[in-house]
């Protein structure tokens, strides 16, 4: 007893993978500057 089975066709609503996050250079500059001041203050306080 053999059955013919045809898999369903792919639907057109297949989710595409999310694009890689490129980042925000302005936010990176601001965050790195704040981090530099805070980490530098910790370094100076330790010294």
ModelCIF file with pLDDT and N, C-alpha, C, O atoms, coordinates in Angstrom:
data_MODEL
#
_entry.id   MODEL 
#
_entity.id                         1 
_entity.type                       polymer 
_entity.pdbx_number_of_molecules   1 
#
_entity_poly.entity_id                      1 
_entity_poly.type                           'polypeptide(L)' 
_entity_poly.nstd_linkage                   no 
_entity_poly.nstd_monomer                   no 
_entity_poly.pdbx_seq_one_letter_code       
;(UNK)(UNK)(UNK)(UNK)(UNK)(UNK)(UNK)(UNK)(UNK)(UNK)(UNK)(UNK)(UNK)(UNK)(UNK)(UNK)
(UNK)(UNK)(UNK)(UNK)(UNK)(UNK)(UNK)(UNK)(UNK)(UNK)(UNK)(UNK)(UNK)(UNK)(UNK)(UNK)
(UNK)(UNK)(UNK)(UNK)(UNK)(UNK)(UNK)(UNK)(UNK)(UNK)(UNK)(UNK)(UNK)(UNK)(UNK)
;
_entity_poly.pdbx_seq_one_letter_code_can   XXXXXXXXXXXXXXXXXXXXXXXXXXXXXXXXXXXXXXXXXXXXXXX 
_entity_poly.pdbx_strand_id                 A 
#
loop_
_entity_poly_seq.entity_id 
_entity_poly_seq.num 
_entity_poly_seq.mon_id 
_entity_poly_seq.hetero 
1 1  UNK n 
1 2  UNK n 
1 3  UNK n 
1 4  UNK n 
1 5  UNK n 
1 6  UNK n 
1 7  UNK n 
1 8  UNK n 
1 9  UNK n 
1 10 UNK n 
1 11 UNK n 
1 12 UNK n 
1 13 UNK n 
1 14 UNK n 
1 15 UNK n 
1 16 UNK n 
1 17 UNK n 
1 18 UNK n 
1 19 UNK n 
1 20 UNK n 
1 21 UNK n 
1 22 UNK n 
1 23 UNK n 
1 24 UNK n 
1 25 UNK n 
1 26 UNK n 
1 27 UNK n 
1 28 UNK n 
1 29 UNK n 
1 30 UNK n 
1 31 UNK n 
1 32 UNK n 
1 33 UNK n 
1 34 UNK n 
1 35 UNK n 
1 36 UNK n 
1 37 UNK n 
1 38 UNK n 
1 39 UNK n 
1 40 UNK n 
1 41 UNK n 
1 42 UNK n 
1 43 UNK n 
1 44 UNK n 
1 45 UNK n 
1 46 UNK n 
1 47 UNK n 
#
_struct_asym.id          A 
_struct_asym.entity_id   1 
#
loop_
_ma_qa_metric.id 
_ma_qa_metric.mode 
_ma_qa_metric.name 
_ma_qa_metric.software_group_id 
_ma_qa_metric.type 
1 global pLDDT . pLDDT 
2 local  pLDDT . pLDDT 
#
_ma_qa_metric_global.metric_id      1 
_ma_qa_metric_global.metric_value   80.43 
_ma_qa_metric_global.model_id       1 
_ma_qa_metric_global.ordinal_id     1 
#
loop_
_ma_qa_metric_local.label_asym_id 
_ma_qa_metric_local.label_comp_id 
_ma_qa_metric_local.label_seq_id 
_ma_qa_metric_local.metric_id 
_ma_qa_metric_local.metric_value 
_ma_qa_metric_local.model_id 
_ma_qa_metric_local.ordinal_id 
A UNK 1  2 57.00 1 1  
A UNK 2  2 64.00 1 2  
A UNK 3  2 72.00 1 3  
A UNK 4  2 78.00 1 4  
A UNK 5  2 76.00 1 5  
A UNK 6  2 77.00 1 6  
A UNK 7  2 74.00 1 7  
A UNK 8  2 70.00 1 8  
A UNK 9  2 68.00 1 9  
A UNK 10 2 66.00 1 10 
A UNK 11 2 64.00 1 11 
A UNK 12 2 61.00 1 12 
A UNK 13 2 62.00 1 13 
A UNK 14 2 59.00 1 14 
A UNK 15 2 62.00 1 15 
A UNK 16 2 59.00 1 16 
A UNK 17 2 61.00 1 17 
A UNK 18 2 55.00 1 18 
A UNK 19 2 56.00 1 19 
A UNK 20 2 54.00 1 20 
A UNK 21 2 55.00 1 21 
A UNK 22 2 71.00 1 22 
A UNK 23 2 80.00 1 23 
A UNK 24 2 87.00 1 24 
A UNK 25 2 91.00 1 25 
A UNK 26 2 93.00 1 26 
A UNK 27 2 94.00 1 27 
A UNK 28 2 94.00 1 28 
A UNK 29 2 95.00 1 29 
A UNK 30 2 96.00 1 30 
A UNK 31 2 96.00 1 31 
A UNK 32 2 96.00 1 32 
A UNK 33 2 97.00 1 33 
A UNK 34 2 97.00 1 34 
A UNK 35 2 97.00 1 35 
A UNK 36 2 97.00 1 36 
A UNK 37 2 97.00 1 37 
A UNK 38 2 97.00 1 38 
A UNK 39 2 97.00 1 39 
A UNK 40 2 96.00 1 40 
A UNK 41 2 96.00 1 41 
A UNK 42 2 96.00 1 42 
A UNK 43 2 95.00 1 43 
A UNK 44 2 94.00 1 44 
A UNK 45 2 94.00 1 45 
A UNK 46 2 94.00 1 46 
A UNK 47 2 93.00 1 47 
#
loop_
_atom_site.group_PDB 
_atom_site.id 
_atom_site.type_symbol 
_atom_site.label_atom_id 
_atom_site.label_alt_id 
_atom_site.label_comp_id 
_atom_site.label_asym_id 
_atom_site.label_entity_id 
_atom_site.label_seq_id 
_atom_site.pdbx_PDB_ins_code 
_atom_site.Cartn_x 
_atom_site.Cartn_y 
_atom_site.Cartn_z 
_atom_site.occupancy 
_atom_site.B_iso_or_equiv 
_atom_site.pdbx_formal_charge 
_atom_site.auth_seq_id 
_atom_site.auth_comp_id 
_atom_site.auth_asym_id 
_atom_site.auth_atom_id 
_atom_site.pdbx_PDB_model_num 
ATOM 1   N N  . UNK A 1 1  ? 0.827  -1.140 0.000  1.00 57.00 ? 1  UNK A N  1 
ATOM 2   C CA . UNK A 1 1  ? 0.000  0.000  0.000  1.00 57.00 ? 1  UNK A CA 1 
ATOM 3   C C  . UNK A 1 1  ? 0.899  1.239  0.000  1.00 57.00 ? 1  UNK A C  1 
ATOM 4   O O  . UNK A 1 1  ? 1.470  1.571  1.038  1.00 57.00 ? 1  UNK A O  1 
ATOM 5   N N  . UNK A 1 2  ? 1.029  1.880  -1.052 1.00 64.00 ? 2  UNK A N  1 
ATOM 6   C CA . UNK A 1 2  ? 1.869  3.060  -1.172 1.00 64.00 ? 2  UNK A CA 1 
ATOM 7   C C  . UNK A 1 2  ? 0.985  4.281  -1.343 1.00 64.00 ? 2  UNK A C  1 
ATOM 8   O O  . UNK A 1 2  ? -0.046 4.253  -2.014 1.00 64.00 ? 2  UNK A O  1 
ATOM 9   N N  . UNK A 1 3  ? 1.416  5.316  -0.729 1.00 72.00 ? 3  UNK A N  1 
ATOM 10  C CA . UNK A 1 3  ? 0.659  6.561  -0.820 1.00 72.00 ? 3  UNK A CA 1 
ATOM 11  C C  . UNK A 1 3  ? 1.549  7.614  -1.459 1.00 72.00 ? 3  UNK A C  1 
ATOM 12  O O  . UNK A 1 3  ? 2.746  7.684  -1.178 1.00 72.00 ? 3  UNK A O  1 
ATOM 13  N N  . UNK A 1 4  ? 0.988  8.388  -2.275 1.00 78.00 ? 4  UNK A N  1 
ATOM 14  C CA . UNK A 1 4  ? 1.703  9.509  -2.854 1.00 78.00 ? 4  UNK A CA 1 
ATOM 15  C C  . UNK A 1 4  ? 1.464  10.731 -1.968 1.00 78.00 ? 4  UNK A C  1 
ATOM 16  O O  . UNK A 1 4  ? 0.334  11.177 -1.772 1.00 78.00 ? 4  UNK A O  1 
ATOM 17  N N  . UNK A 1 5  ? 2.575  11.253 -1.440 1.00 76.00 ? 5  UNK A N  1 
ATOM 18  C CA . UNK A 1 5  ? 2.461  12.425 -0.577 1.00 76.00 ? 5  UNK A CA 1 
ATOM 19  C C  . UNK A 1 5  ? 3.287  13.547 -1.175 1.00 76.00 ? 5  UNK A C  1 
ATOM 20  O O  . UNK A 1 5  ? 4.473  13.374 -1.455 1.00 76.00 ? 5  UNK A O  1 
ATOM 21  N N  . UNK A 1 6  ? 2.684  14.650 -1.361 1.00 77.00 ? 6  UNK A N  1 
ATOM 22  C CA . UNK A 1 6  ? 3.367  15.816 -1.878 1.00 77.00 ? 6  UNK A CA 1 
ATOM 23  C C  . UNK A 1 6  ? 3.481  16.829 -0.743 1.00 77.00 ? 6  UNK A C  1 
ATOM 24  O O  . UNK A 1 6  ? 2.478  17.226 -0.150 1.00 77.00 ? 6  UNK A O  1 
ATOM 25  N N  . UNK A 1 7  ? 4.729  17.247 -0.443 1.00 74.00 ? 7  UNK A N  1 
ATOM 26  C CA . UNK A 1 7  ? 4.874  18.220 0.639  1.00 74.00 ? 7  UNK A CA 1 
ATOM 27  C C  . UNK A 1 7  ? 4.227  19.543 0.248  1.00 74.00 ? 7  UNK A C  1 
ATOM 28  O O  . UNK A 1 7  ? 4.158  19.880 -0.934 1.00 74.00 ? 7  UNK A O  1 
ATOM 29  N N  . UNK A 1 8  ? 3.757  20.287 1.234  1.00 70.00 ? 8  UNK A N  1 
ATOM 30  C CA . UNK A 1 8  ? 3.101  21.559 0.910  1.00 70.00 ? 8  UNK A CA 1 
ATOM 31  C C  . UNK A 1 8  ? 4.106  22.558 0.335  1.00 70.00 ? 8  UNK A C  1 
ATOM 32  O O  . UNK A 1 8  ? 5.291  22.540 0.669  1.00 70.00 ? 8  UNK A O  1 
ATOM 33  N N  . UNK A 1 9  ? 3.617  23.396 -0.507 1.00 68.00 ? 9  UNK A N  1 
ATOM 34  C CA . UNK A 1 9  ? 4.457  24.437 -1.107 1.00 68.00 ? 9  UNK A CA 1 
ATOM 35  C C  . UNK A 1 9  ? 4.822  25.467 -0.044 1.00 68.00 ? 9  UNK A C  1 
ATOM 36  O O  . UNK A 1 9  ? 4.025  25.761 0.847  1.00 68.00 ? 9  UNK A O  1 
ATOM 37  N N  . UNK A 1 10 ? 6.027  26.011 -0.144 1.00 66.00 ? 10 UNK A N  1 
ATOM 38  C CA . UNK A 1 10 ? 6.387  27.038 0.856  1.00 66.00 ? 10 UNK A CA 1 
ATOM 39  C C  . UNK A 1 10 ? 5.488  28.256 0.693  1.00 66.00 ? 10 UNK A C  1 
ATOM 40  O O  . UNK A 1 10 ? 5.199  28.709 -0.415 1.00 66.00 ? 10 UNK A O  1 
ATOM 41  N N  . UNK A 1 11 ? 5.060  28.764 1.839  1.00 64.00 ? 11 UNK A N  1 
ATOM 42  C CA . UNK A 1 11 ? 4.193  29.928 1.741  1.00 64.00 ? 11 UNK A CA 1 
ATOM 43  C C  . UNK A 1 11 ? 5.028  31.198 1.562  1.00 64.00 ? 11 UNK A C  1 
ATOM 44  O O  . UNK A 1 11 ? 6.218  31.242 1.874  1.00 64.00 ? 11 UNK A O  1 
ATOM 45  N N  . UNK A 1 12 ? 4.386  32.173 1.073  1.00 61.00 ? 12 UNK A N  1 
ATOM 46  C CA . UNK A 1 12 ? 5.101  33.407 0.774  1.00 61.00 ? 12 UNK A CA 1 
ATOM 47  C C  . UNK A 1 12 ? 5.344  34.251 2.029  1.00 61.00 ? 12 UNK A C  1 
ATOM 48  O O  . UNK A 1 12 ? 5.981  35.301 1.951  1.00 61.00 ? 12 UNK A O  1 
ATOM 49  N N  . UNK A 1 13 ? 4.851  33.809 3.165  1.00 62.00 ? 13 UNK A N  1 
ATOM 50  C CA . UNK A 1 13 ? 5.010  34.567 4.401  1.00 62.00 ? 13 UNK A CA 1 
ATOM 51  C C  . UNK A 1 13 ? 6.116  33.984 5.265  1.00 62.00 ? 13 UNK A C  1 
ATOM 52  O O  . UNK A 1 13 ? 5.979  33.957 6.488  1.00 62.00 ? 13 UNK A O  1 
ATOM 53  N N  . UNK A 1 14 ? 7.198  33.520 4.675  1.00 59.00 ? 14 UNK A N  1 
ATOM 54  C CA . UNK A 1 14 ? 8.339  33.016 5.433  1.00 59.00 ? 14 UNK A CA 1 
ATOM 55  C C  . UNK A 1 14 ? 9.146  34.209 5.934  1.00 59.00 ? 14 UNK A C  1 
ATOM 56  O O  . UNK A 1 14 ? 9.528  35.085 5.158  1.00 59.00 ? 14 UNK A O  1 
ATOM 57  N N  . UNK A 1 15 ? 9.397  34.230 7.232  1.00 62.00 ? 15 UNK A N  1 
ATOM 58  C CA . UNK A 1 15 ? 10.104 35.365 7.832  1.00 62.00 ? 15 UNK A CA 1 
ATOM 59  C C  . UNK A 1 15 ? 11.572 35.347 7.422  1.00 62.00 ? 15 UNK A C  1 
ATOM 60  O O  . UNK A 1 15 ? 12.244 34.319 7.503  1.00 62.00 ? 15 UNK A O  1 
ATOM 61  N N  . UNK A 1 16 ? 12.045 36.486 6.987  1.00 59.00 ? 16 UNK A N  1 
ATOM 62  C CA . UNK A 1 16 ? 13.451 36.622 6.619  1.00 59.00 ? 16 UNK A CA 1 
ATOM 63  C C  . UNK A 1 16 ? 14.268 36.851 7.894  1.00 59.00 ? 16 UNK A C  1 
ATOM 64  O O  . UNK A 1 16 ? 13.765 37.416 8.865  1.00 59.00 ? 16 UNK A O  1 
ATOM 65  N N  . UNK A 1 17 ? 15.522 36.413 7.886  1.00 61.00 ? 17 UNK A N  1 
ATOM 66  C CA . UNK A 1 17 ? 16.336 36.662 9.077  1.00 61.00 ? 17 UNK A CA 1 
ATOM 67  C C  . UNK A 1 17 ? 16.531 38.162 9.313  1.00 61.00 ? 17 UNK A C  1 
ATOM 68  O O  . UNK A 1 17 ? 16.601 38.949 8.369  1.00 61.00 ? 17 UNK A O  1 
ATOM 69  N N  . UNK A 1 18 ? 16.613 38.527 10.551 1.00 55.00 ? 18 UNK A N  1 
ATOM 70  C CA . UNK A 1 18 ? 16.770 39.940 10.907 1.00 55.00 ? 18 UNK A CA 1 
ATOM 71  C C  . UNK A 1 18 ? 18.148 40.430 10.461 1.00 55.00 ? 18 UNK A C  1 
ATOM 72  O O  . UNK A 1 18 ? 19.129 39.694 10.567 1.00 55.00 ? 18 UNK A O  1 
ATOM 73  N N  . UNK A 1 19 ? 18.229 41.649 9.969  1.00 56.00 ? 19 UNK A N  1 
ATOM 74  C CA . UNK A 1 19 ? 19.538 42.174 9.548  1.00 56.00 ? 19 UNK A CA 1 
ATOM 75  C C  . UNK A 1 19 ? 20.427 42.398 10.777 1.00 56.00 ? 19 UNK A C  1 
ATOM 76  O O  . UNK A 1 19 ? 19.943 42.643 11.882 1.00 56.00 ? 19 UNK A O  1 
ATOM 77  N N  . UNK A 1 20 ? 21.712 42.307 10.551 1.00 54.00 ? 20 UNK A N  1 
ATOM 78  C CA . UNK A 1 20 ? 22.666 42.519 11.635 1.00 54.00 ? 20 UNK A CA 1 
ATOM 79  C C  . UNK A 1 20 ? 22.587 43.969 12.098 1.00 54.00 ? 20 UNK A C  1 
ATOM 80  O O  . UNK A 1 20 ? 22.430 44.888 11.295 1.00 54.00 ? 20 UNK A O  1 
ATOM 81  N N  . UNK A 1 21 ? 22.698 44.150 13.393 1.00 55.00 ? 21 UNK A N  1 
ATOM 82  C CA . UNK A 1 21 ? 22.620 45.493 13.958 1.00 55.00 ? 21 UNK A CA 1 
ATOM 83  C C  . UNK A 1 21 ? 23.903 46.249 13.633 1.00 55.00 ? 21 UNK A C  1 
ATOM 84  O O  . UNK A 1 21 ? 25.006 45.784 13.921 1.00 55.00 ? 21 UNK A O  1 
ATOM 85  N N  . UNK A 1 22 ? 23.739 47.406 13.038 1.00 71.00 ? 22 UNK A N  1 
ATOM 86  C CA . UNK A 1 22 ? 24.915 48.167 12.625 1.00 71.00 ? 22 UNK A CA 1 
ATOM 87  C C  . UNK A 1 22 ? 25.430 49.064 13.736 1.00 71.00 ? 22 UNK A C  1 
ATOM 88  O O  . UNK A 1 22 ? 26.618 49.388 13.747 1.00 71.00 ? 22 UNK A O  1 
ATOM 89  N N  . UNK A 1 23 ? 24.609 49.466 14.644 1.00 80.00 ? 23 UNK A N  1 
ATOM 90  C CA . UNK A 1 23 ? 25.051 50.304 15.749 1.00 80.00 ? 23 UNK A CA 1 
ATOM 91  C C  . UNK A 1 23 ? 24.844 51.776 15.461 1.00 80.00 ? 23 UNK A C  1 
ATOM 92  O O  . UNK A 1 23 ? 24.550 52.176 14.335 1.00 80.00 ? 23 UNK A O  1 
ATOM 93  N N  . UNK A 1 24 ? 25.001 52.555 16.486 1.00 87.00 ? 24 UNK A N  1 
ATOM 94  C CA . UNK A 1 24 ? 24.808 53.994 16.411 1.00 87.00 ? 24 UNK A CA 1 
ATOM 95  C C  . UNK A 1 24 ? 26.115 54.658 16.833 1.00 87.00 ? 24 UNK A C  1 
ATOM 96  O O  . UNK A 1 24 ? 26.487 54.598 18.005 1.00 87.00 ? 24 UNK A O  1 
ATOM 97  N N  . UNK A 1 25 ? 26.803 55.279 15.908 1.00 91.00 ? 25 UNK A N  1 
ATOM 98  C CA . UNK A 1 25 ? 28.118 55.840 16.188 1.00 91.00 ? 25 UNK A CA 1 
ATOM 99  C C  . UNK A 1 25 ? 28.031 57.016 17.158 1.00 91.00 ? 25 UNK A C  1 
ATOM 100 O O  . UNK A 1 25 ? 28.928 57.202 17.980 1.00 91.00 ? 25 UNK A O  1 
ATOM 101 N N  . UNK A 1 26 ? 26.977 57.803 17.075 1.00 93.00 ? 26 UNK A N  1 
ATOM 102 C CA . UNK A 1 26 ? 26.818 58.918 18.004 1.00 93.00 ? 26 UNK A CA 1 
ATOM 103 C C  . UNK A 1 26 ? 26.644 58.440 19.436 1.00 93.00 ? 26 UNK A C  1 
ATOM 104 O O  . UNK A 1 26 ? 27.243 58.988 20.362 1.00 93.00 ? 26 UNK A O  1 
ATOM 105 N N  . UNK A 1 27 ? 25.825 57.421 19.608 1.00 94.00 ? 27 UNK A N  1 
ATOM 106 C CA . UNK A 1 27 ? 25.628 56.846 20.934 1.00 94.00 ? 27 UNK A CA 1 
ATOM 107 C C  . UNK A 1 27 ? 26.901 56.170 21.427 1.00 94.00 ? 27 UNK A C  1 
ATOM 108 O O  . UNK A 1 27 ? 27.198 56.192 22.622 1.00 94.00 ? 27 UNK A O  1 
ATOM 109 N N  . UNK A 1 28 ? 27.646 55.574 20.513 1.00 94.00 ? 28 UNK A N  1 
ATOM 110 C CA . UNK A 1 28 ? 28.918 54.937 20.886 1.00 94.00 ? 28 UNK A CA 1 
ATOM 111 C C  . UNK A 1 28 ? 29.916 55.978 21.380 1.00 94.00 ? 28 UNK A C  1 
ATOM 112 O O  . UNK A 1 28 ? 30.622 55.737 22.359 1.00 94.00 ? 28 UNK A O  1 
ATOM 113 N N  . UNK A 1 29 ? 29.986 57.123 20.720 1.00 95.00 ? 29 UNK A N  1 
ATOM 114 C CA . UNK A 1 29 ? 30.899 58.184 21.151 1.00 95.00 ? 29 UNK A CA 1 
ATOM 115 C C  . UNK A 1 29 ? 30.502 58.698 22.530 1.00 95.00 ? 29 UNK A C  1 
ATOM 116 O O  . UNK A 1 29 ? 31.349 58.868 23.407 1.00 95.00 ? 29 UNK A O  1 
ATOM 117 N N  . UNK A 1 30 ? 29.216 58.941 22.710 1.00 96.00 ? 30 UNK A N  1 
ATOM 118 C CA . UNK A 1 30 ? 28.740 59.442 24.001 1.00 96.00 ? 30 UNK A CA 1 
ATOM 119 C C  . UNK A 1 30 ? 28.974 58.425 25.114 1.00 96.00 ? 30 UNK A C  1 
ATOM 120 O O  . UNK A 1 30 ? 29.473 58.773 26.185 1.00 96.00 ? 30 UNK A O  1 
ATOM 121 N N  . UNK A 1 31 ? 28.618 57.185 24.861 1.00 96.00 ? 31 UNK A N  1 
ATOM 122 C CA . UNK A 1 31 ? 28.798 56.149 25.876 1.00 96.00 ? 31 UNK A CA 1 
ATOM 123 C C  . UNK A 1 31 ? 30.264 55.901 26.207 1.00 96.00 ? 31 UNK A C  1 
ATOM 124 O O  . UNK A 1 31 ? 30.616 55.712 27.371 1.00 96.00 ? 31 UNK A O  1 
ATOM 125 N N  . UNK A 1 32 ? 31.110 55.901 25.197 1.00 96.00 ? 32 UNK A N  1 
ATOM 126 C CA . UNK A 1 32 ? 32.539 55.688 25.434 1.00 96.00 ? 32 UNK A CA 1 
ATOM 127 C C  . UNK A 1 32 ? 33.154 56.873 26.169 1.00 96.00 ? 32 UNK A C  1 
ATOM 128 O O  . UNK A 1 32 ? 34.042 56.688 27.001 1.00 96.00 ? 32 UNK A O  1 
ATOM 129 N N  . UNK A 1 33 ? 32.694 58.090 25.872 1.00 97.00 ? 33 UNK A N  1 
ATOM 130 C CA . UNK A 1 33 ? 33.218 59.266 26.573 1.00 97.00 ? 33 UNK A CA 1 
ATOM 131 C C  . UNK A 1 33 ? 32.831 59.240 28.048 1.00 97.00 ? 33 UNK A C  1 
ATOM 132 O O  . UNK A 1 33 ? 33.652 59.538 28.915 1.00 97.00 ? 33 UNK A O  1 
ATOM 133 N N  . UNK A 1 34 ? 31.590 58.886 28.328 1.00 97.00 ? 34 UNK A N  1 
ATOM 134 C CA . UNK A 1 34 ? 31.150 58.786 29.732 1.00 97.00 ? 34 UNK A CA 1 
ATOM 135 C C  . UNK A 1 34 ? 31.916 57.674 30.436 1.00 97.00 ? 34 UNK A C  1 
ATOM 136 O O  . UNK A 1 34 ? 32.339 57.835 31.581 1.00 97.00 ? 34 UNK A O  1 
ATOM 137 N N  . UNK A 1 35 ? 32.091 56.558 29.762 1.00 97.00 ? 35 UNK A N  1 
ATOM 138 C CA . UNK A 1 35 ? 32.845 55.449 30.351 1.00 97.00 ? 35 UNK A CA 1 
ATOM 139 C C  . UNK A 1 35 ? 34.290 55.848 30.613 1.00 97.00 ? 35 UNK A C  1 
ATOM 140 O O  . UNK A 1 35 ? 34.854 55.481 31.643 1.00 97.00 ? 35 UNK A O  1 
ATOM 141 N N  . UNK A 1 36 ? 34.895 56.595 29.696 1.00 97.00 ? 36 UNK A N  1 
ATOM 142 C CA . UNK A 1 36 ? 36.276 57.046 29.886 1.00 97.00 ? 36 UNK A CA 1 
ATOM 143 C C  . UNK A 1 36 ? 36.393 57.927 31.123 1.00 97.00 ? 36 UNK A C  1 
ATOM 144 O O  . UNK A 1 36 ? 37.348 57.798 31.889 1.00 97.00 ? 36 UNK A O  1 
ATOM 145 N N  . UNK A 1 37 ? 35.435 58.814 31.321 1.00 97.00 ? 37 UNK A N  1 
ATOM 146 C CA . UNK A 1 37 ? 35.482 59.694 32.494 1.00 97.00 ? 37 UNK A CA 1 
ATOM 147 C C  . UNK A 1 37 ? 35.253 58.916 33.791 1.00 97.00 ? 37 UNK A C  1 
ATOM 148 O O  . UNK A 1 37 ? 35.947 59.139 34.783 1.00 97.00 ? 37 UNK A O  1 
ATOM 149 N N  . UNK A 1 38 ? 34.292 58.015 33.779 1.00 97.00 ? 38 UNK A N  1 
ATOM 150 C CA . UNK A 1 38 ? 33.998 57.247 34.995 1.00 97.00 ? 38 UNK A CA 1 
ATOM 151 C C  . UNK A 1 38 ? 35.146 56.294 35.319 1.00 97.00 ? 38 UNK A C  1 
ATOM 152 O O  . UNK A 1 38 ? 35.581 56.214 36.468 1.00 97.00 ? 38 UNK A O  1 
ATOM 153 N N  . UNK A 1 39 ? 35.633 55.577 34.320 1.00 97.00 ? 39 UNK A N  1 
ATOM 154 C CA . UNK A 1 39 ? 36.741 54.646 34.556 1.00 97.00 ? 39 UNK A CA 1 
ATOM 155 C C  . UNK A 1 39 ? 38.018 55.413 34.905 1.00 97.00 ? 39 UNK A C  1 
ATOM 156 O O  . UNK A 1 39 ? 38.797 54.962 35.744 1.00 97.00 ? 39 UNK A O  1 
ATOM 157 N N  . UNK A 1 40 ? 38.238 56.558 34.274 1.00 96.00 ? 40 UNK A N  1 
ATOM 158 C CA . UNK A 1 40 ? 39.390 57.387 34.611 1.00 96.00 ? 40 UNK A CA 1 
ATOM 159 C C  . UNK A 1 40 ? 39.304 57.910 36.032 1.00 96.00 ? 40 UNK A C  1 
ATOM 160 O O  . UNK A 1 40 ? 40.315 57.992 36.729 1.00 96.00 ? 40 UNK A O  1 
ATOM 161 N N  . UNK A 1 41 ? 38.100 58.267 36.468 1.00 96.00 ? 41 UNK A N  1 
ATOM 162 C CA . UNK A 1 41 ? 37.924 58.724 37.845 1.00 96.00 ? 41 UNK A CA 1 
ATOM 163 C C  . UNK A 1 41 ? 38.200 57.586 38.833 1.00 96.00 ? 41 UNK A C  1 
ATOM 164 O O  . UNK A 1 41 ? 38.799 57.805 39.886 1.00 96.00 ? 41 UNK A O  1 
ATOM 165 N N  . UNK A 1 42 ? 37.768 56.392 38.493 1.00 96.00 ? 42 UNK A N  1 
ATOM 166 C CA . UNK A 1 42 ? 38.065 55.240 39.358 1.00 96.00 ? 42 UNK A CA 1 
ATOM 167 C C  . UNK A 1 42 ? 39.568 54.977 39.400 1.00 96.00 ? 42 UNK A C  1 
ATOM 168 O O  . UNK A 1 42 ? 40.123 54.675 40.457 1.00 96.00 ? 42 UNK A O  1 
ATOM 169 N N  . UNK A 1 43 ? 40.219 55.091 38.252 1.00 95.00 ? 43 UNK A N  1 
ATOM 170 C CA . UNK A 1 43 ? 41.667 54.921 38.169 1.00 95.00 ? 43 UNK A CA 1 
ATOM 171 C C  . UNK A 1 43 ? 42.385 55.973 39.006 1.00 95.00 ? 43 UNK A C  1 
ATOM 172 O O  . UNK A 1 43 ? 43.309 55.653 39.754 1.00 95.00 ? 43 UNK A O  1 
ATOM 173 N N  . UNK A 1 44 ? 41.961 57.225 38.880 1.00 94.00 ? 44 UNK A N  1 
ATOM 174 C CA . UNK A 1 44 ? 42.561 58.301 39.657 1.00 94.00 ? 44 UNK A CA 1 
ATOM 175 C C  . UNK A 1 44 ? 42.296 58.166 41.144 1.00 94.00 ? 44 UNK A C  1 
ATOM 176 O O  . UNK A 1 44 ? 43.172 58.442 41.964 1.00 94.00 ? 44 UNK A O  1 
ATOM 177 N N  . UNK A 1 45 ? 41.087 57.740 41.494 1.00 94.00 ? 45 UNK A N  1 
ATOM 178 C CA . UNK A 1 45 ? 40.774 57.522 42.898 1.00 94.00 ? 45 UNK A CA 1 
ATOM 179 C C  . UNK A 1 45 ? 41.620 56.420 43.506 1.00 94.00 ? 45 UNK A C  1 
ATOM 180 O O  . UNK A 1 45 ? 42.063 56.517 44.650 1.00 94.00 ? 45 UNK A O  1 
ATOM 181 N N  . UNK A 1 46 ? 41.839 55.374 42.727 1.00 94.00 ? 46 UNK A N  1 
ATOM 182 C CA . UNK A 1 46 ? 42.697 54.275 43.189 1.00 94.00 ? 46 UNK A CA 1 
ATOM 183 C C  . UNK A 1 46 ? 44.136 54.749 43.361 1.00 94.00 ? 46 UNK A C  1 
ATOM 184 O O  . UNK A 1 46 ? 44.774 54.451 44.371 1.00 94.00 ? 46 UNK A O  1 
ATOM 185 N N  . UNK A 1 47 ? 44.646 55.485 42.377 1.00 93.00 ? 47 UNK A N  1 
ATOM 186 C CA . UNK A 1 47 ? 46.014 55.996 42.482 1.00 93.00 ? 47 UNK A CA 1 
ATOM 187 C C  . UNK A 1 47 ? 46.154 56.982 43.634 1.00 93.00 ? 47 UNK A C  1 
ATOM 188 O O  . UNK A 1 47 ? 47.241 57.509 43.867 1.00 93.00 ? 47 UNK A O  1 
#
